[in-house]
PDB file of all heavy atoms in Angstrom:
ATOM      1  N   GLN A   1      23.600 -33.727   1.074  1.00  0.00           N
ATOM      2  CA  GLN A   1      23.513 -32.763   2.171  1.00  0.00           C
ATOM      3  C   GLN A   1      24.281 -31.497   1.832  1.00  0.00           C
ATOM      4  O   GLN A   1      23.796 -30.379   2.070  1.00  0.00           O
ATOM      5  CB  GLN A   1      24.071 -33.386   3.453  1.00  0.00           C
ATOM      6  CG  GLN A   1      24.117 -32.426   4.638  1.00  0.00           C
ATOM      7  CD  GLN A   1      24.863 -33.013   5.835  1.00  0.00           C
ATOM      8  OE1 GLN A   1      25.072 -34.227   5.912  1.00  0.00           O
ATOM      9  NE2 GLN A   1      25.265 -32.162   6.760  1.00  0.00           N
ATOM     10  N   PHE A   2      25.480 -31.668   1.274  1.00  0.00           N
ATOM     11  CA  PHE A   2      26.302 -30.512   0.932  1.00  0.00           C
ATOM     12  C   PHE A   2      25.612 -29.636  -0.104  1.00  0.00           C
ATOM     13  O   PHE A   2      25.591 -28.409   0.014  1.00  0.00           O
ATOM     14  CB  PHE A   2      27.658 -30.987   0.403  1.00  0.00           C
ATOM     15  CG  PHE A   2      28.609 -29.883   0.064  1.00  0.00           C
ATOM     16  CD1 PHE A   2      29.383 -29.282   1.046  1.00  0.00           C
ATOM     17  CD2 PHE A   2      28.742 -29.424  -1.239  1.00  0.00           C
ATOM     18  CE1 PHE A   2      30.259 -28.252   0.746  1.00  0.00           C
ATOM     19  CE2 PHE A   2      29.610 -28.400  -1.554  1.00  0.00           C
ATOM     20  CZ  PHE A   2      30.373 -27.811  -0.566  1.00  0.00           C
ATOM     21  N   VAL A   3      25.048 -30.264  -1.115  1.00  0.00           N
ATOM     22  CA  VAL A   3      24.373 -29.498  -2.170  1.00  0.00           C
ATOM     23  C   VAL A   3      23.170 -28.746  -1.605  1.00  0.00           C
ATOM     24  O   VAL A   3      22.961 -27.562  -1.905  1.00  0.00           O
ATOM     25  CB  VAL A   3      23.941 -30.435  -3.317  1.00  0.00           C
ATOM     26  CG1 VAL A   3      23.034 -29.704  -4.302  1.00  0.00           C
ATOM     27  CG2 VAL A   3      25.171 -30.980  -4.044  1.00  0.00           C
ATOM     28  N   SER A   4      22.374 -29.407  -0.779  1.00  0.00           N
ATOM     29  CA  SER A   4      21.159 -28.773  -0.258  1.00  0.00           C
ATOM     30  C   SER A   4      21.478 -27.643   0.709  1.00  0.00           C
ATOM     31  O   SER A   4      20.743 -26.652   0.777  1.00  0.00           O
ATOM     32  CB  SER A   4      20.276 -29.812   0.433  1.00  0.00           C
ATOM     33  OG  SER A   4      20.919 -30.368   1.558  1.00  0.00           O
ATOM     34  N   GLU A   5      22.580 -27.767   1.454  1.00  0.00           N
ATOM     35  CA  GLU A   5      22.895 -26.764   2.472  1.00  0.00           C
ATOM     36  C   GLU A   5      23.841 -25.678   1.972  1.00  0.00           C
ATOM     37  O   GLU A   5      23.799 -24.553   2.469  1.00  0.00           O
ATOM     38  CB  GLU A   5      23.523 -27.452   3.686  1.00  0.00           C
ATOM     39  CG  GLU A   5      22.571 -28.384   4.426  1.00  0.00           C
ATOM     40  CD  GLU A   5      23.229 -29.056   5.619  1.00  0.00           C
ATOM     41  OE1 GLU A   5      24.429 -28.779   5.872  1.00  0.00           O
ATOM     42  OE2 GLU A   5      22.551 -29.849   6.301  1.00  0.00           O
ATOM     43  N   ARG A   6      24.691 -25.999   1.012  1.00  0.00           N
ATOM     44  CA  ARG A   6      25.717 -25.023   0.602  1.00  0.00           C
ATOM     45  C   ARG A   6      25.515 -24.507  -0.820  1.00  0.00           C
ATOM     46  O   ARG A   6      25.975 -23.413  -1.145  1.00  0.00           O
ATOM     47  CB  ARG A   6      27.115 -25.661   0.679  1.00  0.00           C
ATOM     48  CG  ARG A   6      27.460 -26.345   1.986  1.00  0.00           C
ATOM     49  CD  ARG A   6      27.629 -25.358   3.137  1.00  0.00           C
ATOM     50  NE  ARG A   6      28.277 -26.007   4.271  1.00  0.00           N
ATOM     51  CZ  ARG A   6      27.648 -26.746   5.176  1.00  0.00           C
ATOM     52  NH1 ARG A   6      26.332 -26.925   5.055  1.00  0.00           N
ATOM     53  NH2 ARG A   6      28.301 -27.289   6.194  1.00  0.00           N
ATOM     54  N   LEU A   7      24.858 -25.302  -1.657  1.00  0.00           N
ATOM     55  CA  LEU A   7      24.782 -24.953  -3.075  1.00  0.00           C
ATOM     56  C   LEU A   7      23.346 -24.912  -3.575  1.00  0.00           C
ATOM     57  O   LEU A   7      23.093 -25.133  -4.758  1.00  0.00           O
ATOM     58  CB  LEU A   7      25.581 -25.961  -3.910  1.00  0.00           C
ATOM     59  CG  LEU A   7      27.073 -26.072  -3.602  1.00  0.00           C
ATOM     60  CD1 LEU A   7      27.694 -27.211  -4.393  1.00  0.00           C
ATOM     61  CD2 LEU A   7      27.788 -24.766  -3.890  1.00  0.00           C
ATOM     62  N   ALA A   8      22.415 -24.645  -2.707  1.00  0.00           N
ATOM     63  CA  ALA A   8      21.007 -24.614  -3.105  1.00  0.00           C
ATOM     64  C   ALA A   8      20.800 -23.602  -4.236  1.00  0.00           C
ATOM     65  O   ALA A   8      21.211 -22.444  -4.137  1.00  0.00           O
ATOM     66  CB  ALA A   8      20.132 -24.251  -1.914  1.00  0.00           C
ATOM     67  N   GLY A   9      20.209 -24.053  -5.324  1.00  0.00           N
ATOM     68  CA  GLY A   9      19.938 -23.180  -6.462  1.00  0.00           C
ATOM     69  C   GLY A   9      21.077 -23.044  -7.444  1.00  0.00           C
ATOM     70  O   GLY A   9      20.909 -22.435  -8.498  1.00  0.00           O
ATOM     71  N   ALA A  10      22.244 -23.605  -7.131  1.00  0.00           N
ATOM     72  CA  ALA A  10      23.391 -23.484  -8.037  1.00  0.00           C
ATOM     73  C   ALA A  10      23.222 -24.429  -9.220  1.00  0.00           C
ATOM     74  O   ALA A  10      22.595 -25.474  -9.120  1.00  0.00           O
ATOM     75  CB  ALA A  10      24.684 -23.808  -7.305  1.00  0.00           C
ATOM     76  N   LYS A  11      23.786 -24.050 -10.341  1.00  0.00           N
ATOM     77  CA  LYS A  11      23.754 -24.885 -11.534  1.00  0.00           C
ATOM     78  C   LYS A  11      24.904 -25.876 -11.475  1.00  0.00           C
ATOM     79  O   LYS A  11      26.077 -25.486 -11.467  1.00  0.00           O
ATOM     80  CB  LYS A  11      23.847 -24.022 -12.795  1.00  0.00           C
ATOM     81  CG  LYS A  11      23.706 -24.814 -14.089  1.00  0.00           C
ATOM     82  CD  LYS A  11      23.759 -23.894 -15.300  1.00  0.00           C
ATOM     83  CE  LYS A  11      23.621 -24.685 -16.595  1.00  0.00           C
ATOM     84  NZ  LYS A  11      23.684 -23.802 -17.786  1.00  0.00           N
ATOM     85  N   LEU A  12      24.561 -27.135 -11.416  1.00  0.00           N
ATOM     86  CA  LEU A  12      25.570 -28.177 -11.283  1.00  0.00           C
ATOM     87  C   LEU A  12      25.629 -29.013 -12.558  1.00  0.00           C
ATOM     88  O   LEU A  12      24.643 -29.111 -13.273  1.00  0.00           O
ATOM     89  CB  LEU A  12      25.229 -29.088 -10.088  1.00  0.00           C
ATOM     90  CG  LEU A  12      25.087 -28.389  -8.739  1.00  0.00           C
ATOM     91  CD1 LEU A  12      24.635 -29.388  -7.676  1.00  0.00           C
ATOM     92  CD2 LEU A  12      26.396 -27.737  -8.327  1.00  0.00           C
ATOM     93  N   PRO A  13      26.794 -29.651 -12.847  1.00  0.00           N
ATOM     94  CA  PRO A  13      28.059 -29.563 -12.110  1.00  0.00           C
ATOM     95  C   PRO A  13      28.847 -28.330 -12.507  1.00  0.00           C
ATOM     96  O   PRO A  13      28.339 -27.472 -13.242  1.00  0.00           O
ATOM     97  CB  PRO A  13      28.774 -30.841 -12.535  1.00  0.00           C
ATOM     98  CG  PRO A  13      28.302 -31.038 -13.950  1.00  0.00           C
ATOM     99  CD  PRO A  13      26.863 -30.567 -13.976  1.00  0.00           C
ATOM    100  N   PHE A  14      30.105 -28.285 -12.074  1.00  0.00           N
ATOM    101  CA  PHE A  14      31.004 -27.179 -12.404  1.00  0.00           C
ATOM    102  C   PHE A  14      32.105 -27.722 -13.309  1.00  0.00           C
ATOM    103  O   PHE A  14      33.181 -28.102 -12.843  1.00  0.00           O
ATOM    104  CB  PHE A  14      31.624 -26.585 -11.137  1.00  0.00           C
ATOM    105  CG  PHE A  14      30.606 -26.141 -10.130  1.00  0.00           C
ATOM    106  CD1 PHE A  14      30.446 -26.822  -8.944  1.00  0.00           C
ATOM    107  CD2 PHE A  14      29.800 -25.041 -10.378  1.00  0.00           C
ATOM    108  CE1 PHE A  14      29.510 -26.416  -8.009  1.00  0.00           C
ATOM    109  CE2 PHE A  14      28.856 -24.629  -9.448  1.00  0.00           C
ATOM    110  CZ  PHE A  14      28.710 -25.315  -8.257  1.00  0.00           C
ATOM    111  N   PRO A  15      31.866 -27.790 -14.609  1.00  0.00           N
ATOM    112  CA  PRO A  15      32.812 -28.471 -15.502  1.00  0.00           C
ATOM    113  C   PRO A  15      34.180 -27.821 -15.549  1.00  0.00           C
ATOM    114  O   PRO A  15      35.171 -28.489 -15.839  1.00  0.00           O
ATOM    115  CB  PRO A  15      32.109 -28.408 -16.867  1.00  0.00           C
ATOM    116  CG  PRO A  15      31.147 -27.271 -16.756  1.00  0.00           C
ATOM    117  CD  PRO A  15      30.702 -27.257 -15.326  1.00  0.00           C
ATOM    118  N   SER A  16      34.268 -26.531 -15.246  1.00  0.00           N
ATOM    119  CA  SER A  16      35.564 -25.868 -15.335  1.00  0.00           C
ATOM    120  C   SER A  16      36.553 -26.404 -14.307  1.00  0.00           C
ATOM    121  O   SER A  16      37.768 -26.252 -14.466  1.00  0.00           O
ATOM    122  CB  SER A  16      35.394 -24.356 -15.131  1.00  0.00           C
ATOM    123  OG  SER A  16      34.858 -24.090 -13.835  1.00  0.00           O
ATOM    124  N   LEU A  17      36.056 -27.029 -13.236  1.00  0.00           N
ATOM    125  CA  LEU A  17      36.946 -27.545 -12.207  1.00  0.00           C
ATOM    126  C   LEU A  17      37.382 -28.982 -12.458  1.00  0.00           C
ATOM    127  O   LEU A  17      38.270 -29.482 -11.796  1.00  0.00           O
ATOM    128  CB  LEU A  17      36.254 -27.479 -10.839  1.00  0.00           C
ATOM    129  CG  LEU A  17      36.058 -26.081 -10.254  1.00  0.00           C
ATOM    130  CD1 LEU A  17      35.263 -26.164  -8.970  1.00  0.00           C
ATOM    131  CD2 LEU A  17      37.400 -25.417  -9.995  1.00  0.00           C
ATOM    132  N   SER A  18      36.743 -29.643 -13.411  1.00  0.00           N
ATOM    133  CA  SER A  18      37.034 -31.065 -13.615  1.00  0.00           C
ATOM    134  C   SER A  18      38.438 -31.299 -14.141  1.00  0.00           C
ATOM    135  O   SER A  18      38.954 -32.406 -14.073  1.00  0.00           O
ATOM    136  CB  SER A  18      36.023 -31.674 -14.581  1.00  0.00           C
ATOM    137  OG  SER A  18      36.095 -31.037 -15.844  1.00  0.00           O
ATOM    138  N   LYS A  19      39.091 -30.264 -14.664  1.00  0.00           N
ATOM    139  CA  LYS A  19      40.445 -30.387 -15.188  1.00  0.00           C
ATOM    140  C   LYS A  19      41.461 -29.698 -14.282  1.00  0.00           C
ATOM    141  O   LYS A  19      42.514 -29.276 -14.724  1.00  0.00           O
ATOM    142  CB  LYS A  19      40.515 -29.804 -16.598  1.00  0.00           C
ATOM    143  CG  LYS A  19      39.591 -30.500 -17.601  1.00  0.00           C
ATOM    144  CD  LYS A  19      39.687 -29.874 -18.978  1.00  0.00           C
ATOM    145  CE  LYS A  19      38.742 -30.568 -19.963  1.00  0.00           C
ATOM    146  NZ  LYS A  19      38.810 -29.969 -21.315  1.00  0.00           N
ATOM    147  N   SER A  20      41.120 -29.613 -13.000  1.00  0.00           N
ATOM    148  CA  SER A  20      41.994 -28.904 -12.069  1.00  0.00           C
ATOM    149  C   SER A  20      43.298 -29.649 -11.818  1.00  0.00           C
ATOM    150  O   SER A  20      44.281 -29.059 -11.395  1.00  0.00           O
ATOM    151  CB  SER A  20      41.274 -28.705 -10.724  1.00  0.00           C
ATOM    152  OG  SER A  20      40.987 -29.959 -10.130  1.00  0.00           O
ATOM    153  N   GLY A  21      43.326 -30.970 -12.054  1.00  0.00           N
ATOM    154  CA  GLY A  21      44.526 -31.749 -11.804  1.00  0.00           C
ATOM    155  C   GLY A  21      44.758 -32.067 -10.345  1.00  0.00           C
ATOM    156  O   GLY A  21      45.797 -32.621  -9.989  1.00  0.00           O
ATOM    157  N   LEU A  22      43.815 -31.739  -9.480  1.00  0.00           N
ATOM    158  CA  LEU A  22      43.979 -31.959  -8.055  1.00  0.00           C
ATOM    159  C   LEU A  22      43.536 -33.344  -7.609  1.00  0.00           C
ATOM    160  O   LEU A  22      43.898 -33.800  -6.537  1.00  0.00           O
ATOM    161  CB  LEU A  22      43.180 -30.912  -7.272  1.00  0.00           C
ATOM    162  CG  LEU A  22      43.614 -29.448  -7.443  1.00  0.00           C
ATOM    163  CD1 LEU A  22      42.645 -28.527  -6.740  1.00  0.00           C
ATOM    164  CD2 LEU A  22      45.014 -29.255  -6.894  1.00  0.00           C
ATOM    165  N   LEU A  23      42.730 -34.010  -8.424  1.00  0.00           N
ATOM    166  CA  LEU A  23      42.127 -35.266  -8.013  1.00  0.00           C
ATOM    167  C   LEU A  23      42.827 -36.458  -8.646  1.00  0.00           C
ATOM    168  O   LEU A  23      43.492 -36.313  -9.671  1.00  0.00           O
ATOM    169  CB  LEU A  23      40.640 -35.276  -8.384  1.00  0.00           C
ATOM    170  CG  LEU A  23      39.810 -34.161  -7.746  1.00  0.00           C
ATOM    171  CD1 LEU A  23      38.390 -34.212  -8.272  1.00  0.00           C
ATOM    172  CD2 LEU A  23      39.813 -34.294  -6.242  1.00  0.00           C
ATOM    173  N   PRO A  24      42.692 -37.649  -8.018  1.00  0.00           N
ATOM    174  CA  PRO A  24      43.272 -38.845  -8.638  1.00  0.00           C
ATOM    175  C   PRO A  24      42.752 -39.041 -10.046  1.00  0.00           C
ATOM    176  O   PRO A  24      41.590 -38.730 -10.334  1.00  0.00           O
ATOM    177  CB  PRO A  24      42.787 -39.975  -7.713  1.00  0.00           C
ATOM    178  CG  PRO A  24      42.525 -39.311  -6.407  1.00  0.00           C
ATOM    179  CD  PRO A  24      42.024 -37.934  -6.754  1.00  0.00           C
ATOM    180  N   PRO A  25      43.580 -39.530 -10.962  1.00  0.00           N
ATOM    181  CA  PRO A  25      43.134 -39.684 -12.348  1.00  0.00           C
ATOM    182  C   PRO A  25      41.998 -40.686 -12.464  1.00  0.00           C
ATOM    183  O   PRO A  25      42.012 -41.741 -11.853  1.00  0.00           O
ATOM    184  CB  PRO A  25      44.393 -40.191 -13.071  1.00  0.00           C
ATOM    185  CG  PRO A  25      45.234 -40.797 -11.990  1.00  0.00           C
ATOM    186  CD  PRO A  25      44.957 -39.986 -10.754  1.00  0.00           C
ATOM    187  N   THR A  26      40.997 -40.322 -13.250  1.00  0.00           N
ATOM    188  CA  THR A  26      39.863 -41.218 -13.510  1.00  0.00           C
ATOM    189  C   THR A  26      39.608 -41.274 -15.011  1.00  0.00           C
ATOM    190  O   THR A  26      38.478 -41.283 -15.464  1.00  0.00           O
ATOM    191  CB  THR A  26      38.602 -40.730 -12.775  1.00  0.00           C
ATOM    192  OG1 THR A  26      38.338 -39.365 -13.164  1.00  0.00           O
ATOM    193  CG2 THR A  26      38.775 -40.798 -11.271  1.00  0.00           C
ATOM    194  N   SER A  27      40.706 -41.282 -15.783  1.00  0.00           N
ATOM    195  CA  SER A  27      40.578 -41.180 -17.228  1.00  0.00           C
ATOM    196  C   SER A  27      40.196 -42.509 -17.873  1.00  0.00           C
ATOM    197  O   SER A  27      39.754 -42.528 -19.014  1.00  0.00           O
ATOM    198  CB  SER A  27      41.893 -40.675 -17.838  1.00  0.00           C
ATOM    199  OG  SER A  27      42.960 -41.541 -17.498  1.00  0.00           O
TER     200      SER A  27
END
């Protein structure tokens, strides 16, 4: 829903944010 309503046409994913350090580690 979020992608269709907020990010329609955007190129996904956004790899530059994957190293933001804000999320729980999933290494």
